[in-house]
Protein backbone atom coordinates (compact mmCIF):
# COMPACT_ATOMS: atom_id res chain seq x y z
CA MET A 1 31.39 -20.27 44.52
CA LYS A 2 33.68 -21.88 42.33
CA PRO A 3 35.20 -24.97 43.68
CA PRO A 4 38.65 -23.27 44.83
CA GLU A 5 37.05 -20.62 46.52
CA LEU A 6 34.46 -22.53 48.00
CA SER A 7 37.17 -24.71 49.63
CA ARG A 8 38.88 -21.62 50.94
CA ALA A 9 35.41 -20.50 52.43
CA VAL A 10 34.81 -23.74 54.20
CA GLU A 11 38.38 -23.43 55.62
CA ALA A 12 37.87 -20.24 57.00
CA GLY A 13 34.65 -20.93 58.76
CA ARG A 14 35.96 -24.46 60.18
CA ALA A 15 39.08 -22.53 61.49
CA ILE A 16 37.23 -19.82 62.81
CA ALA A 17 35.10 -22.18 64.77
CA VAL A 18 38.12 -24.18 66.03
CA GLU A 19 40.50 -21.14 67.28
CA LEU A 20 37.03 -20.36 69.49
CA GLY A 21 37.04 -23.41 71.10
CA LEU A 22 34.04 -25.33 69.24
CA ARG A 23 34.40 -29.01 68.26
CA VAL A 24 34.21 -29.29 64.46
CA ASP A 25 34.76 -32.86 63.12
CA ASP A 26 32.95 -32.34 59.77
CA VAL A 27 31.52 -29.50 57.49
CA VAL A 28 28.50 -29.55 55.41
CA VAL A 29 27.48 -26.99 52.79
CA VAL A 30 24.07 -25.89 53.40
CA HIS A 31 23.91 -23.16 50.89
CA ASP A 32 26.29 -22.06 48.14
CA SER A 33 25.82 -18.84 46.39
CA ASP A 34 28.00 -15.65 46.29
CA ARG A 35 27.95 -16.21 50.13
CA VAL A 36 27.99 -19.94 51.59
CA ALA A 37 26.27 -21.35 54.80
CA LEU A 38 28.07 -23.99 56.50
CA ARG A 39 26.73 -26.44 59.37
CA LEU A 40 29.60 -27.52 61.70
CA VAL A 41 29.44 -31.00 63.20
CA PRO A 42 29.02 -31.51 66.19
CA CYS A 43 29.03 -28.15 67.57
CA GLU A 44 26.04 -27.48 65.40
CA VAL A 45 26.94 -23.84 64.25
CA LEU A 46 26.05 -22.42 61.08
CA ALA A 47 28.79 -20.48 59.80
CA ARG A 48 28.12 -17.86 57.19
CA VAL A 49 30.91 -17.01 54.96
CA ALA A 50 31.00 -14.25 52.56
CA PRO A 51 33.92 -12.35 50.41
CA SER A 52 35.81 -9.88 52.40
CA GLY A 53 34.11 -7.05 50.25
CA THR A 54 30.82 -7.48 52.10
CA LEU A 55 31.91 -7.02 55.55
CA ALA A 56 29.69 -4.13 56.07
CA GLU A 57 26.81 -5.89 55.05
CA ALA A 58 27.74 -8.97 57.45
CA GLU A 59 28.29 -6.46 60.32
CA PHE A 60 25.01 -5.09 59.81
CA GLU A 61 23.07 -8.36 59.63
CA VAL A 62 24.78 -9.22 63.20
CA ARG A 63 23.92 -5.93 64.53
CA VAL A 64 20.03 -6.43 63.53
CA ALA A 65 20.24 -10.12 65.09
CA ASP A 66 21.45 -9.01 68.06
CA ARG A 67 18.77 -6.20 68.31
CA LEU A 68 16.13 -8.35 67.65
CA ALA A 69 17.26 -11.05 70.02
CA ALA A 70 17.05 -8.75 72.77
CA VAL A 71 13.45 -8.28 72.21
CA GLY A 72 12.35 -11.78 71.59
CA ALA A 73 11.96 -11.46 67.81
CA PRO A 74 10.95 -14.85 65.88
CA VAL A 75 14.51 -14.78 64.10
CA GLY A 76 17.61 -17.28 63.83
CA GLY A 77 20.06 -16.42 66.70
CA LEU A 78 23.84 -15.71 66.73
CA ASP A 79 25.60 -18.87 68.62
CA PRO A 80 25.57 -17.70 71.95
CA ARG A 81 28.97 -19.26 72.82
CA VAL A 82 31.20 -16.56 70.96
CA ASP A 83 30.80 -12.86 70.79
CA ALA A 84 28.29 -11.19 68.44
CA ARG A 85 30.81 -9.99 65.66
CA VAL A 86 32.15 -10.67 62.19
CA ARG A 87 35.43 -12.15 62.05
CA GLY A 88 37.73 -12.27 59.14
CA ARG A 89 39.88 -14.71 57.81
CA ASP A 90 41.59 -15.49 54.20
CA GLY A 91 39.58 -12.78 52.56
CA PHE A 92 36.50 -13.78 53.92
CA ALA A 93 33.98 -12.43 56.60
CA VAL A 94 32.62 -15.08 58.86
CA SER A 95 29.74 -14.87 61.51
CA LEU A 96 28.57 -17.77 63.63
CA TRP A 97 24.95 -18.58 64.18
CA THR A 98 22.92 -21.35 65.56
CA TYR A 99 22.22 -24.27 63.60
CA TYR A 100 18.28 -25.31 63.82
CA GLU A 101 17.42 -28.88 62.79
CA PRO A 102 14.78 -28.18 60.36
CA VAL A 103 11.14 -30.00 61.48
CA GLY A 104 9.26 -32.10 58.93
CA PRO A 105 10.31 -33.51 55.58
CA VAL A 106 12.14 -31.01 53.03
CA GLY A 107 9.79 -28.69 51.42
CA THR A 108 7.06 -28.95 54.02
CA GLU A 109 5.34 -25.70 54.13
CA ILE A 110 4.12 -23.32 56.71
CA ALA A 111 0.69 -22.68 57.00
CA PRO A 112 -0.79 -19.32 55.73
CA ALA A 113 -2.06 -18.59 59.00
CA ASP A 114 1.13 -19.26 60.82
CA TYR A 115 2.95 -17.45 58.16
CA ALA A 116 1.03 -14.54 58.70
CA ASP A 117 1.22 -14.72 62.55
CA VAL A 118 4.95 -14.81 62.63
CA LEU A 119 5.47 -12.03 60.02
CA ALA A 120 3.18 -9.88 62.06
CA ARG A 121 5.28 -10.92 65.28
CA HIS A 122 8.36 -9.96 63.56
CA HIS A 123 7.10 -6.70 62.41
CA ALA A 124 6.08 -5.89 66.23
CA ALA A 125 9.57 -6.75 67.17
CA LEU A 126 11.19 -4.52 64.66
CA ARG A 127 8.84 -1.76 65.87
CA ARG A 128 10.65 -1.97 69.24
CA ILE A 129 14.24 -1.72 68.26
CA ASP A 130 16.25 1.57 66.68
CA LEU A 131 18.80 1.10 64.19
CA ASP A 132 21.20 3.61 62.42
CA GLY A 133 22.04 3.15 58.83
CA VAL A 134 19.08 1.25 57.69
CA PRO A 135 18.44 1.67 54.08
CA HIS A 136 14.84 2.63 52.32
CA PHE A 137 13.50 0.10 50.20
CA THR A 138 13.66 2.52 47.36
CA ASP A 139 17.42 2.44 47.82
CA ARG A 140 17.12 -1.16 46.38
CA VAL A 141 15.00 -0.19 43.47
CA ALA A 142 17.44 2.82 42.02
CA VAL A 143 20.16 -0.14 42.42
CA ALA A 144 18.09 -2.30 40.26
CA SER A 145 16.58 0.63 38.20
CA GLY A 146 20.64 1.30 37.22
CA ALA A 147 21.26 -2.40 36.33
CA VAL A 148 18.20 -2.00 33.97
CA GLU A 149 19.17 1.06 32.11
CA ASP A 150 22.98 0.19 31.93
CA GLY A 151 23.20 -1.80 28.64
CA GLU A 152 26.79 -2.93 30.03
CA GLN A 153 25.15 -4.78 32.92
CA SER A 154 22.09 -5.78 31.37
CA PRO A 155 23.17 -6.58 27.87
CA GLU A 156 20.65 -8.98 26.68
CA LEU A 157 17.41 -7.03 27.42
CA THR A 158 15.77 -5.70 24.24
CA ASP A 159 14.70 -2.41 24.07
CA ALA A 160 11.04 -2.99 24.82
CA GLU A 161 11.85 -5.15 27.96
CA ARG A 162 14.27 -2.40 29.23
CA GLU A 163 11.73 0.19 28.81
CA PHE A 164 8.90 -1.51 30.18
CA LEU A 165 11.13 -2.89 33.29
CA GLY A 166 12.81 0.20 33.86
CA GLY A 167 9.61 2.30 33.52
CA THR A 168 7.79 -0.14 36.08
CA LEU A 169 10.51 0.12 38.74
CA ARG A 170 10.32 3.98 38.46
CA ALA A 171 6.49 4.23 38.55
CA LEU A 172 6.02 1.65 41.09
CA ARG A 173 9.15 3.37 43.52
CA ASP A 174 7.08 6.62 43.18
CA ALA A 175 3.83 5.35 43.69
CA ILE A 176 4.85 3.44 46.67
CA GLY A 177 7.64 5.49 48.27
CA PHE A 178 6.33 8.70 48.29
CA ASP A 179 4.11 8.31 51.24
CA THR A 180 6.42 7.39 54.43
CA ALA A 181 3.60 7.78 57.07
CA ARG A 182 3.39 3.59 56.76
CA ASP A 183 6.99 3.19 57.04
CA GLN A 184 8.89 0.98 59.67
CA LEU A 185 11.93 -1.40 60.04
CA LEU A 186 11.32 -4.71 57.65
CA HIS A 187 12.75 -7.82 56.86
CA GLY A 188 13.44 -6.96 53.33
CA GLU A 189 12.97 -10.48 52.06
CA PRO A 190 11.03 -12.62 53.98
CA HIS A 191 10.12 -15.25 51.34
CA PRO A 192 9.56 -18.92 52.10
CA GLY A 193 13.42 -19.63 51.73
CA ASN A 194 14.08 -17.22 54.54
CA LEU A 195 11.72 -18.69 56.77
CA LEU A 196 12.79 -22.05 58.66
CA ASN A 197 10.47 -24.25 60.41
CA THR A 198 12.13 -25.15 63.67
CA LYS A 199 11.57 -27.08 67.02
CA ARG A 200 10.84 -23.24 68.23
CA GLY A 201 8.52 -22.51 65.81
CA PRO A 202 9.06 -20.50 62.52
CA LEU A 203 11.99 -18.46 62.59
CA PHE A 204 13.44 -15.89 59.91
CA VAL A 205 16.96 -15.72 58.67
CA ASP A 206 18.99 -13.62 56.34
CA LEU A 207 18.41 -10.50 58.40
CA ALA A 208 20.98 -8.38 56.18
CA THR A 209 18.18 -7.11 53.79
CA CYS A 210 16.67 -5.12 56.52
CA CYS A 211 15.03 -1.96 55.10
CA ARG A 212 12.61 0.66 55.70
CA GLY A 213 9.11 0.86 54.24
CA PRO A 214 5.72 -0.38 54.63
CA VAL A 215 4.65 -3.77 55.76
CA GLU A 216 3.00 -4.43 52.45
CA PHE A 217 6.91 -4.83 50.82
CA ASP A 218 7.42 -7.42 53.23
CA LEU A 219 4.07 -9.04 52.99
CA ALA A 220 4.39 -9.42 49.18
CA HIS A 221 7.46 -11.49 49.38
CA ALA A 222 5.24 -14.07 51.28
CA PRO A 223 2.64 -16.57 49.35
CA GLU A 224 -0.42 -14.84 48.38
CA GLU A 225 -2.67 -16.88 50.59
CA VAL A 226 -0.56 -15.29 53.92
CA ALA A 227 -2.19 -11.77 53.32
CA GLU A 228 -5.64 -13.08 53.87
CA TYR A 229 -4.42 -13.81 57.68
CA TYR A 230 -2.26 -10.58 57.81
CA PRO A 231 -4.42 -7.73 60.05
CA GLY A 232 -4.90 -4.37 58.55
CA ALA A 233 -2.59 -4.78 55.22
CA ASP A 234 -3.57 -2.46 52.37
CA PRO A 235 -4.47 -4.40 49.19
CA ASP A 236 -4.17 -2.05 46.63
CA LEU A 237 -0.61 -1.30 48.19
CA LEU A 238 0.29 -4.78 48.57
CA ARG A 239 -0.79 -5.14 44.75
CA ARG A 240 2.05 -2.66 43.86
CA CYS A 241 4.55 -3.95 46.23
CA ARG A 242 4.05 -7.34 44.70
CA ALA A 243 4.48 -5.88 41.05
CA LEU A 244 7.45 -4.15 42.54
CA ASN A 245 9.09 -7.10 44.08
CA TRP A 246 8.63 -9.34 40.72
CA ALA A 247 10.23 -6.50 38.79
CA LEU A 248 13.20 -6.15 41.11
CA PHE A 249 13.62 -9.95 40.78
CA SER A 250 13.36 -9.46 37.09
CA ALA A 251 16.14 -7.01 37.09
CA TRP A 252 18.76 -9.05 38.91
CA ARG A 253 18.17 -11.94 36.32
CA TRP A 254 18.95 -9.69 33.88
CA ARG A 255 22.34 -8.87 34.84
CA ARG A 256 25.22 -10.35 32.94
CA ASP A 257 26.60 -11.66 35.82
CA ASP A 258 23.78 -13.24 37.44
CA GLN A 259 24.35 -16.82 38.02
CA MET A 260 20.80 -18.26 39.62
CA PRO A 261 20.10 -21.77 38.10
CA ASP A 262 17.65 -21.93 35.04
CA ARG A 263 17.97 -18.31 34.92
CA ASP A 264 16.76 -17.90 31.20
CA HIS A 265 13.45 -19.64 32.16
CA TRP A 266 13.25 -16.87 35.39
CA ARG A 267 13.86 -13.95 33.07
CA ALA A 268 10.91 -14.84 31.23
CA GLU A 269 8.79 -15.81 34.14
CA GLY A 270 9.83 -12.77 36.28
CA LEU A 271 8.64 -10.31 33.52
CA ASP A 272 5.21 -12.50 33.42
CA ARG A 273 4.72 -12.03 36.77
CA VAL A 274 5.22 -8.50 36.56
CA ARG A 275 2.88 -7.85 34.12
CA ALA A 276 0.40 -10.23 36.18
CA ALA A 277 0.77 -8.45 39.40
CA LEU A 278 0.15 -5.19 37.34
CA ASP A 279 -3.10 -6.59 36.24
CA GLY A 280 -4.26 -7.77 39.42
CA ARG A 281 -4.24 -11.47 38.18
CA ARG A 282 -3.65 -14.12 40.72
CA VAL A 283 -0.36 -16.09 40.02
CA GLY A 284 0.09 -19.69 41.22
């Protein structure tokens, strides 16, 4: 967020927590992008603050978290001291979550076997809940395809890159999505940035990406070594899903309004990763 908007978001998160009787002496910005995550001290709450236009997405995330907590899923939970709902203030949608102190030094990786175990347990928990209105992963592909095909949204793509990326998205969507027999509820983006190493063990966060599809779509977001420990994964389907995930990543990077740091590098890197995944080459 731009500095003036970030200041308003910080104040919105702080003010709502205080109104609910939580003590806030300091606010630490943990993550800042299109939405922000704030650590509220000393009440140890993680406030997630997003523009009010994303209210439906925030409410969906709270609903997913509430259902998963009821079945003991390995996910970051909502703060138990307040009602499980999203609150609006000054143009923002605010939800309050438990803050988990990280275990180990910053950047400590979770072992592949442990990663596979927590992902399998998360998938098992997702099979135990019912949720209405959950999108299929192909809906996300359709949005990305639209951004690639629209020259106004992605003006810097060359004709060759646009044809390659758009064609790859369509082909992989059709190849993966036509058979729904393997579909179930998924996290949607269980990459390492969405898996916290805590005293309670590894916990998944950012649950708003929940969608339907094969478990290989989720597994493709994890480091490649994790697949060696995940039971029953289809290697051919996993290869296609890895290519699809990099194609989605690339589509977002080529959008005119994308704000990811070092975007030019990741534009080229993303396309290289798509080609490598399609060829079945291992990428470090």
